[in-house]
Protein backbone atom coordinates (compact mmCIF):
# COMPACT_ATOMS: atom_id res chain seq x y z
CA MET A 1 38.98 -11.04 3.17
CA ILE A 2 36.03 -10.83 0.95
CA VAL A 3 32.91 -13.03 2.34
CA ASN A 4 30.22 -14.70 0.25
CA ARG A 5 27.48 -12.73 0.97
CA VAL A 6 24.21 -15.18 0.41
CA PRO A 7 21.06 -13.03 0.35
CA THR A 8 21.60 -12.09 -3.61
CA PHE A 9 24.74 -13.11 -6.39
CA THR A 10 26.53 -12.21 -9.18
CA THR A 11 29.80 -12.40 -10.50
CA ALA A 12 32.19 -10.19 -8.39
CA PRO A 13 33.75 -7.76 -10.52
CA GLY A 14 36.98 -8.47 -12.06
CA THR A 15 36.26 -12.40 -12.29
CA ALA A 16 35.07 -14.32 -15.37
CA PRO A 17 31.16 -14.10 -15.60
CA GLY A 18 29.51 -17.14 -15.33
CA PRO A 19 26.52 -18.76 -17.15
CA PRO A 20 23.81 -16.84 -18.18
CA ALA A 21 20.63 -16.97 -16.46
CA GLU A 22 18.69 -19.14 -18.67
CA GLN A 23 21.44 -21.71 -17.84
CA PHE A 24 21.09 -21.26 -13.91
CA ALA A 25 17.48 -21.40 -14.52
CA ASP A 26 17.77 -24.97 -16.45
CA SER A 27 19.83 -26.18 -13.17
CA VAL A 28 17.03 -24.84 -10.86
CA ASN A 29 14.24 -26.55 -11.42
CA PHE A 30 11.90 -26.59 -8.36
CA PRO A 31 10.02 -29.89 -7.35
CA ASN A 32 6.57 -30.03 -5.99
CA THR A 33 6.83 -29.80 -2.43
CA PRO A 34 4.18 -31.18 -0.01
CA ARG A 35 2.25 -28.10 1.89
CA HIS A 36 3.79 -26.70 4.95
CA ARG A 37 1.46 -25.39 7.92
CA SER A 38 2.31 -22.90 10.30
CA ALA A 39 0.74 -22.63 13.78
CA ARG A 40 2.17 -19.13 14.35
CA ALA A 41 -1.26 -17.69 13.70
CA LEU A 42 -2.76 -19.05 16.74
CA TRP A 43 -0.18 -16.73 18.97
CA ASP A 44 -0.15 -13.69 16.29
CA PRO A 45 -1.40 -11.38 18.83
CA LEU A 46 1.44 -12.26 21.68
CA LEU A 47 4.17 -11.19 19.26
CA GLY A 48 3.54 -7.69 19.84
CA LEU A 49 4.92 -7.87 23.31
CA LEU A 50 8.05 -9.59 22.31
CA PRO A 51 11.32 -7.82 21.01
CA LEU A 52 11.70 -8.26 17.41
CA ARG A 53 15.09 -9.94 18.09
CA THR A 54 13.55 -12.93 20.10
CA PRO A 55 15.86 -15.76 19.80
CA ARG A 56 14.34 -18.18 17.80
CA VAL A 57 14.63 -21.78 19.51
CA LEU A 58 16.33 -24.34 17.22
CA GLY A 59 15.82 -22.06 14.18
CA THR A 60 18.86 -22.69 12.35
CA LEU A 61 18.05 -26.43 12.58
CA THR A 62 14.46 -26.17 11.35
CA ASP A 63 15.31 -23.72 8.61
CA GLY A 64 17.99 -26.47 7.62
CA LEU A 65 15.62 -29.24 7.36
CA ARG A 66 12.62 -26.91 5.80
CA ALA A 67 15.52 -26.12 2.82
CA GLN A 68 16.24 -29.45 2.34
CA ARG A 69 12.68 -30.47 2.05
CA LEU A 70 11.79 -27.88 -0.75
CA VAL A 71 14.95 -29.18 -2.83
CA ARG A 72 14.30 -32.76 -2.56
CA GLY A 73 14.57 -34.47 -5.97
CA MET A 74 17.06 -32.19 -7.12
CA HIS A 75 20.56 -32.88 -8.39
CA PRO A 76 22.95 -33.17 -5.16
CA ARG A 77 23.58 -29.98 -4.15
CA GLU A 78 24.92 -28.03 -1.18
CA VAL A 79 22.50 -26.00 1.00
CA THR A 80 23.59 -23.59 3.05
CA VAL A 81 20.83 -21.38 5.39
CA VAL A 82 21.12 -17.60 6.03
CA ARG A 83 20.31 -17.05 9.80
CA ARG A 84 17.25 -14.99 10.15
CA PRO A 85 17.48 -14.04 13.63
CA THR A 86 14.40 -11.71 13.91
CA TRP A 87 10.79 -12.67 13.76
CA PRO A 88 10.06 -10.65 10.72
CA GLN A 89 12.91 -12.22 8.87
CA THR A 90 11.50 -15.57 9.60
CA ASN A 91 8.83 -15.08 6.96
CA LEU A 92 10.92 -15.41 4.28
CA LEU A 93 13.40 -18.85 4.41
CA VAL A 94 16.58 -18.01 2.70
CA PHE A 95 19.40 -20.48 1.43
CA GLY A 96 22.45 -20.88 -0.83
CA LEU A 97 22.27 -23.63 -3.02
CA ARG A 98 25.36 -24.85 -4.58
CA ARG A 99 26.30 -27.03 -7.37
CA GLY A 100 30.02 -27.49 -8.49
CA ASN A 101 31.04 -24.07 -9.28
CA LEU A 102 27.54 -22.42 -9.33
CA THR A 103 25.64 -20.73 -6.76
CA VAL A 104 22.35 -19.22 -6.37
CA VAL A 105 20.18 -17.81 -3.56
CA VAL A 106 16.62 -19.20 -2.98
CA LYS A 107 13.98 -17.35 -1.35
CA HIS A 108 10.89 -19.07 -0.11
CA PRO A 109 7.92 -17.28 1.45
CA ARG A 110 6.31 -18.59 4.57
CA ASN A 111 2.81 -16.87 4.44
CA GLU A 112 0.95 -14.85 1.71
CA ARG A 113 2.44 -11.45 2.65
CA ALA A 114 6.15 -12.50 1.87
CA ALA A 115 4.82 -14.23 -1.28
CA GLY A 116 3.30 -10.62 -2.13
CA ALA A 117 6.92 -9.33 -1.27
CA LEU A 118 8.88 -11.58 -3.27
CA ALA A 119 6.68 -10.90 -6.39
CA ARG A 120 7.67 -7.38 -6.28
CA GLU A 121 11.25 -8.40 -5.99
CA TRP A 122 10.90 -10.65 -8.92
CA ASP A 123 9.71 -7.76 -11.00
CA VAL A 124 11.92 -5.62 -9.63
CA LEU A 125 14.73 -7.70 -10.81
CA ARG A 126 13.51 -8.21 -14.18
CA GLU A 127 13.01 -4.58 -14.66
CA LEU A 128 16.46 -3.96 -13.39
CA ALA A 129 17.88 -6.53 -15.98
CA ALA A 130 16.05 -4.81 -18.92
CA ASP A 131 16.99 -1.24 -18.17
CA ASP A 132 20.04 -0.66 -20.73
CA ARG A 133 21.32 2.53 -18.37
CA LEU A 134 22.37 -0.02 -15.75
CA ALA A 135 24.65 -1.86 -18.05
CA PRO A 136 27.92 -0.09 -16.13
CA TRP A 137 26.78 -1.74 -12.92
CA ARG A 138 25.11 -4.64 -14.08
CA GLN A 139 27.70 -7.29 -11.86
CA LEU A 140 26.83 -5.32 -9.13
CA LEU A 141 22.84 -5.88 -9.28
CA PRO A 142 21.42 -9.48 -8.23
CA GLN A 143 20.86 -11.72 -11.36
CA ALA A 144 17.13 -13.02 -11.87
CA VAL A 145 17.61 -16.63 -12.30
CA SER A 146 14.17 -18.64 -11.86
CA TYR A 147 10.69 -18.14 -10.08
CA LEU A 148 8.37 -20.34 -9.20
CA PRO A 149 4.99 -18.16 -8.02
CA GLY A 150 2.78 -20.67 -6.86
CA GLY A 151 2.14 -23.59 -4.67
CA PRO A 152 3.42 -24.39 -1.38
CA GLY A 153 7.31 -24.54 -2.78
CA ARG A 154 6.96 -21.24 -4.31
CA MET A 155 10.33 -19.80 -4.63
CA LEU A 156 12.71 -17.34 -6.36
CA ALA A 157 16.24 -17.95 -7.22
CA GLN A 158 18.66 -15.20 -8.00
CA GLY A 159 22.45 -14.79 -8.20
CA ARG A 160 24.93 -14.24 -5.00
CA LEU A 161 27.00 -11.54 -4.77
CA VAL A 162 30.45 -11.20 -3.76
CA GLY A 163 31.90 -8.83 -1.31
CA VAL A 164 32.87 -7.47 1.98
CA PRO A 165 29.80 -6.70 3.98
CA ALA A 166 29.46 -2.84 4.48
CA GLU A 167 27.37 -3.46 7.93
CA ARG A 168 30.35 -5.30 9.30
CA LEU A 169 32.79 -2.52 8.47
CA VAL A 170 30.51 0.05 10.01
CA ARG A 171 30.50 -1.51 13.17
CA GLY A 172 33.73 -3.38 13.46
CA ARG A 173 36.36 -1.25 11.50
CA PRO A 174 35.46 2.44 12.19
CA GLN A 175 38.77 2.99 10.95
CA ASP A 176 37.57 2.38 7.40
CA LEU A 177 34.24 4.19 7.95
CA HIS A 178 35.07 7.13 5.38
CA ARG A 179 35.89 4.79 2.85
CA THR A 180 32.74 3.14 3.44
CA VAL A 181 30.13 5.96 3.49
CA THR A 182 32.45 7.54 0.71
CA ALA A 183 32.03 4.33 -1.63
CA ALA A 184 28.54 4.14 -0.78
CA LEU A 185 27.37 7.66 -1.91
CA SER A 186 29.77 7.72 -4.70
CA PHE A 187 27.74 4.57 -6.18
CA LEU A 188 24.65 6.58 -5.44
CA ALA A 189 25.51 9.57 -7.54
CA GLU A 190 26.60 7.60 -10.31
CA LEU A 191 23.35 5.94 -10.55
CA ARG A 192 21.42 9.07 -10.12
CA ARG A 193 23.51 10.75 -12.76
CA ALA A 194 22.85 7.62 -15.41
CA THR A 195 19.00 7.33 -14.81
CA GLY A 196 17.89 10.50 -13.20
CA VAL A 197 15.82 13.65 -14.26
CA ALA A 198 15.07 16.68 -11.87
CA GLN A 199 11.42 16.53 -11.24
CA PRO A 200 9.54 19.35 -9.32
CA GLY A 201 7.95 17.30 -6.02
CA ALA A 202 4.86 18.84 -5.97
CA GLU A 203 3.90 16.58 -9.52
CA ARG A 204 5.27 13.58 -7.50
CA SER A 205 4.03 14.21 -3.65
CA GLY A 206 0.76 11.50 -4.74
CA GLU A 207 3.53 8.72 -5.66
CA TRP A 208 6.16 9.61 -3.09
CA ALA A 209 4.76 10.06 0.06
CA GLU A 210 0.76 9.08 -0.31
CA PRO A 211 0.80 5.49 -0.68
CA GLN A 212 3.62 5.09 1.90
CA LEU A 213 1.55 7.10 4.47
CA GLU A 214 -1.49 5.10 3.44
CA ILE A 215 0.68 1.78 4.49
CA LEU A 216 1.40 3.58 7.98
CA SER A 217 -1.80 4.03 8.38
CA THR A 218 -3.51 0.76 7.56
CA GLU A 219 -0.81 -1.45 8.72
CA ILE A 220 -0.11 0.04 12.16
CA GLY A 221 -2.65 0.18 14.88
CA TRP A 222 -1.46 3.29 16.89
CA CYS A 223 -1.26 5.40 13.52
CA ARG A 224 -5.54 5.03 13.03
CA ALA A 225 -6.47 6.98 16.23
CA GLY A 226 -5.75 9.30 18.67
CA ALA A 227 -1.96 10.78 18.82
CA GLY A 228 -0.67 8.40 16.23
CA ALA A 229 -3.52 9.49 13.56
CA ALA A 230 -2.86 13.06 14.56
CA GLY A 231 1.16 12.38 13.98
CA LEU A 232 0.32 11.10 10.74
CA GLN A 233 -1.72 13.80 9.40
CA ALA A 234 0.69 16.63 10.48
CA LEU A 235 3.65 14.48 8.71
CA ARG A 236 1.42 14.32 5.70
CA ARG A 237 1.12 18.26 5.55
CA ARG A 238 4.62 18.59 6.21
CA LEU A 239 5.83 16.64 3.64
CA TYR A 240 3.03 17.90 0.98
CA GLU A 241 4.25 21.59 1.97
CA GLY A 242 8.14 20.71 1.82
CA LEU A 243 7.81 18.79 -1.42
CA ALA A 244 5.67 21.37 -3.21
CA LYS A 245 8.83 23.66 -2.98
CA ALA A 246 11.36 20.90 -3.63
CA VAL A 247 12.99 19.80 -6.86
CA MET A 248 14.18 16.04 -6.50
CA THR A 249 16.06 13.46 -8.98
CA GLU A 250 13.47 11.01 -10.22
CA ALA A 251 15.68 7.82 -10.83
CA TRP A 252 16.29 4.11 -9.75
CA THR A 253 15.69 4.35 -5.78
CA HIS A 254 16.42 1.57 -3.89
CA GLY A 255 14.14 2.39 -0.87
CA ASP A 256 16.36 0.87 1.58
CA PHE A 257 19.67 1.51 1.00
CA HIS A 258 21.33 0.73 4.38
CA PRO A 259 24.88 -0.88 4.92
CA GLY A 260 22.88 -4.63 5.74
CA ASN A 261 22.09 -4.43 2.17
CA VAL A 262 25.61 -3.40 0.60
CA LEU A 263 28.77 -5.14 -0.21
CA LEU A 264 32.41 -3.48 -0.76
CA SER A 265 35.44 -4.55 -2.55
CA GLU A 266 38.09 -5.68 -0.85
CA GLU A 267 39.83 -2.65 -0.58
CA ARG A 268 36.81 -0.96 0.72
CA ALA A 269 37.02 1.51 -2.13
CA ARG A 270 33.78 0.84 -4.19
CA VAL A 271 30.95 -1.05 -3.98
CA ALA A 272 30.75 -4.48 -4.92
CA GLY A 273 27.32 -5.27 -4.93
CA VAL A 274 23.71 -4.37 -3.60
CA TYR A 275 20.60 -6.73 -2.74
CA ASP A 276 17.10 -6.60 -1.74
CA TRP A 277 15.64 -4.42 -4.65
CA GLY A 278 11.94 -5.80 -2.88
CA ASN A 279 10.96 -1.81 -2.51
CA ALA A 280 12.90 -0.46 -4.98
CA ARG A 281 11.47 1.85 -8.30
CA MET A 282 13.01 3.08 -11.13
CA ASP A 283 10.94 6.50 -10.32
CA GLY A 284 11.65 7.43 -6.97
CA PRO A 285 13.14 10.41 -5.05
CA SER A 286 16.40 8.96 -5.23
CA GLU A 287 17.99 11.37 -2.88
CA ILE A 288 16.28 9.21 -0.11
CA ASP A 289 18.99 6.32 -0.52
CA ALA A 290 22.03 8.71 0.12
CA CYS A 291 20.08 9.95 3.23
CA MET A 292 19.28 6.20 4.27
CA PHE A 293 22.84 5.00 4.28
CA VAL A 294 23.86 8.21 6.39
CA LEU A 295 21.55 7.67 8.95
CA ALA A 296 21.80 3.97 9.25
CA VAL A 297 25.60 4.54 9.84
CA ARG A 298 24.93 6.96 12.73
CA ALA A 299 22.19 4.73 14.04
CA ALA A 300 24.83 1.71 13.80
CA LEU A 301 27.69 3.81 15.73
CA SER A 302 25.27 5.32 18.26
CA GLY A 303 22.90 2.41 19.02
CA ARG A 304 19.93 4.41 18.63
CA PRO A 305 16.97 3.44 16.63
CA LEU A 306 16.75 5.38 13.30
CA GLY A 307 13.20 7.01 14.34
CA ARG A 308 14.67 8.86 17.23
CA LEU A 309 17.66 10.14 14.98
CA VAL A 310 15.14 11.28 12.64
CA ALA A 311 13.26 12.67 15.39
CA ASP A 312 16.37 14.56 16.71
CA ALA A 313 17.01 16.08 12.79
CA VAL A 314 13.25 17.45 12.70
CA ARG A 315 13.52 19.03 16.57
CA ALA A 316 16.74 20.38 15.52
CA GLY A 317 15.89 21.86 12.22
CA GLY A 318 17.81 19.41 10.12
CA LEU A 319 20.62 16.88 10.05
CA PRO A 320 23.91 17.05 12.15
CA ALA A 321 26.57 19.02 10.24
CA ALA A 322 28.99 15.92 9.64
CA ASP A 323 25.85 14.19 7.71
CA ARG A 324 24.71 17.09 6.00
CA GLU A 325 28.40 17.46 4.61
CA LEU A 326 28.55 14.17 3.47
CA LEU A 327 25.27 14.65 1.98
CA SER A 328 26.32 17.71 0.05
CA ALA A 329 29.87 16.18 -1.04
CA ALA A 330 27.68 13.19 -2.97
CA ALA A 331 25.52 16.20 -4.73
CA VAL A 332 22.48 15.68 -2.49
CA ASP A 333 21.28 18.89 -1.30
CA PRO A 334 20.26 18.38 2.44
CA ASP A 335 17.82 21.37 2.27
CA VAL A 336 15.36 20.22 -0.44
CA GLY A 337 12.38 22.61 -0.66
CA GLY A 338 13.92 24.63 1.87
CA ASP A 339 12.92 22.22 4.69
CA SER A 340 15.64 20.54 6.08
CA ALA A 341 13.34 17.83 7.71
CA VAL A 342 11.85 16.87 4.57
CA LEU A 343 14.65 14.76 3.27
CA PRO A 344 14.94 12.57 6.62
CA LEU A 345 11.32 12.44 7.07
CA LEU A 346 10.88 11.11 3.53
CA THR A 347 13.49 8.84 3.50
CA TRP A 348 12.21 7.60 7.11
CA LEU A 349 9.11 6.99 5.56
CA TRP A 350 10.23 4.69 2.87
CA HIS A 351 11.95 2.89 5.15
CA VAL A 352 9.35 2.07 7.80
CA SER A 353 6.31 1.63 5.29
CA GLY A 354 8.44 -0.75 3.44
CA ASN A 355 9.09 -3.09 6.52
CA VAL A 356 5.50 -2.98 7.20
CA ARG A 357 4.37 -4.10 3.95
CA LYS A 358 6.72 -6.73 4.28
CA SER A 359 5.74 -7.95 7.56
CA SER A 360 2.95 -7.39 9.89
CA GLN A 361 5.07 -8.04 12.77
CA PHE A 362 6.41 -4.73 12.54
CA GLY A 363 3.19 -3.03 12.87
CA ARG A 364 2.01 -5.09 15.75
CA SER A 365 5.42 -5.00 17.84
CA HIS A 366 5.07 -2.45 20.32
CA TRP A 367 8.94 -2.03 20.85
CA TRP A 368 9.46 -0.99 17.15
CA VAL A 369 6.40 1.44 17.08
CA SER A 370 7.52 2.96 20.52
CA ASP A 371 11.39 3.07 18.94
CA THR A 372 11.03 3.68 15.44
CA VAL A 373 7.61 5.36 14.46
CA ALA A 374 6.23 7.15 17.43
CA PRO A 375 9.10 9.83 18.12
CA VAL A 376 8.72 10.80 14.56
CA LEU A 377 4.95 11.50 14.54
CA GLU A 378 5.23 12.95 17.87
CA GLU A 379 7.52 15.58 16.66
CA ALA A 380 5.39 16.04 13.54
CA SER A 381 2.68 16.64 15.81
CA ARG A 382 4.51 19.28 17.81
CA TRP A 383 5.79 21.25 14.85
CA ALA A 384 2.19 21.33 13.68
CA SER A 385 0.76 22.48 17.28
CA VAL A 386 3.27 25.83 17.15
CA GLY A 387 1.26 27.29 14.31
CA HIS A 388 3.22 25.92 11.29
């Protein structure tokens, strides 16, 4: 059964196209809303001691009330709030807004960092819409509808994508796993061919690695001194040395292409939609998207954190054989630059830096740092200590 996935939207492939974005925007006139103040800042330091998936008592109820308040004064509409189970996700209120046969998804930031992430996402959505090379996949991408950047009622509205959540298939239908992974990697291969150009990594390391490393140093306290800082420096050295010998495909790069951001067709044979493009750029190292999907699938199946899987790959001299075969079949070289650790390390770096840039709670969480960040940087330090 196809599920309507609320976090983004466009007309599903094979269905009649809906009204253009201008018509959506005309129907989504955001009213002025009263200022909402949060008391969370008073106890933010304690959040670092809590698991990121700490249950939110009455979260659904309060989110629903807030959503209704934001759209008060509009024409009658049906509001459906998207459940946000982790504390970092609560920085953004997401809800579907339906009137008749038209549905958009609205995102409302609860703090300045989330507002910045929303502004970046709006810019990316506009870039996606303006890129004629993406015409064959236009219906698979979220449609920019409307954006209100200022005031307490600031919001972004985009279309809703329709399909089967890949994340649900990975966890609940292992018999469809091969089709799920193949469909996702095939989509990425087509995107690389349409928008990509071979680029020496030595010329791009300043853009593909340094800004992300700086985010970790700035946002994660453990990375500023001691073992964390040493690990970050070792990671920088390994990435720069590996990229100096690598040739990668500069193309549209999602930046966090995991099953939770992918929808599939009902027959599980093709991608029906990809959302959450806030970390994307049109000139990124596009191979990391394929590696991210493969790593995320392995993490979901094994129950192990991504950081520990990447640390294993660094320690073992590369990804597991099955993962390497999947990447090679999708025209991704798992040994870019002659160092089999470079691709998983660069993939991990983009994923982690994207998370902490969206939400400061990641960098403050002792649980998340110990599971996702520390294992990789400790392994990078070990590599540096043996004379490399």
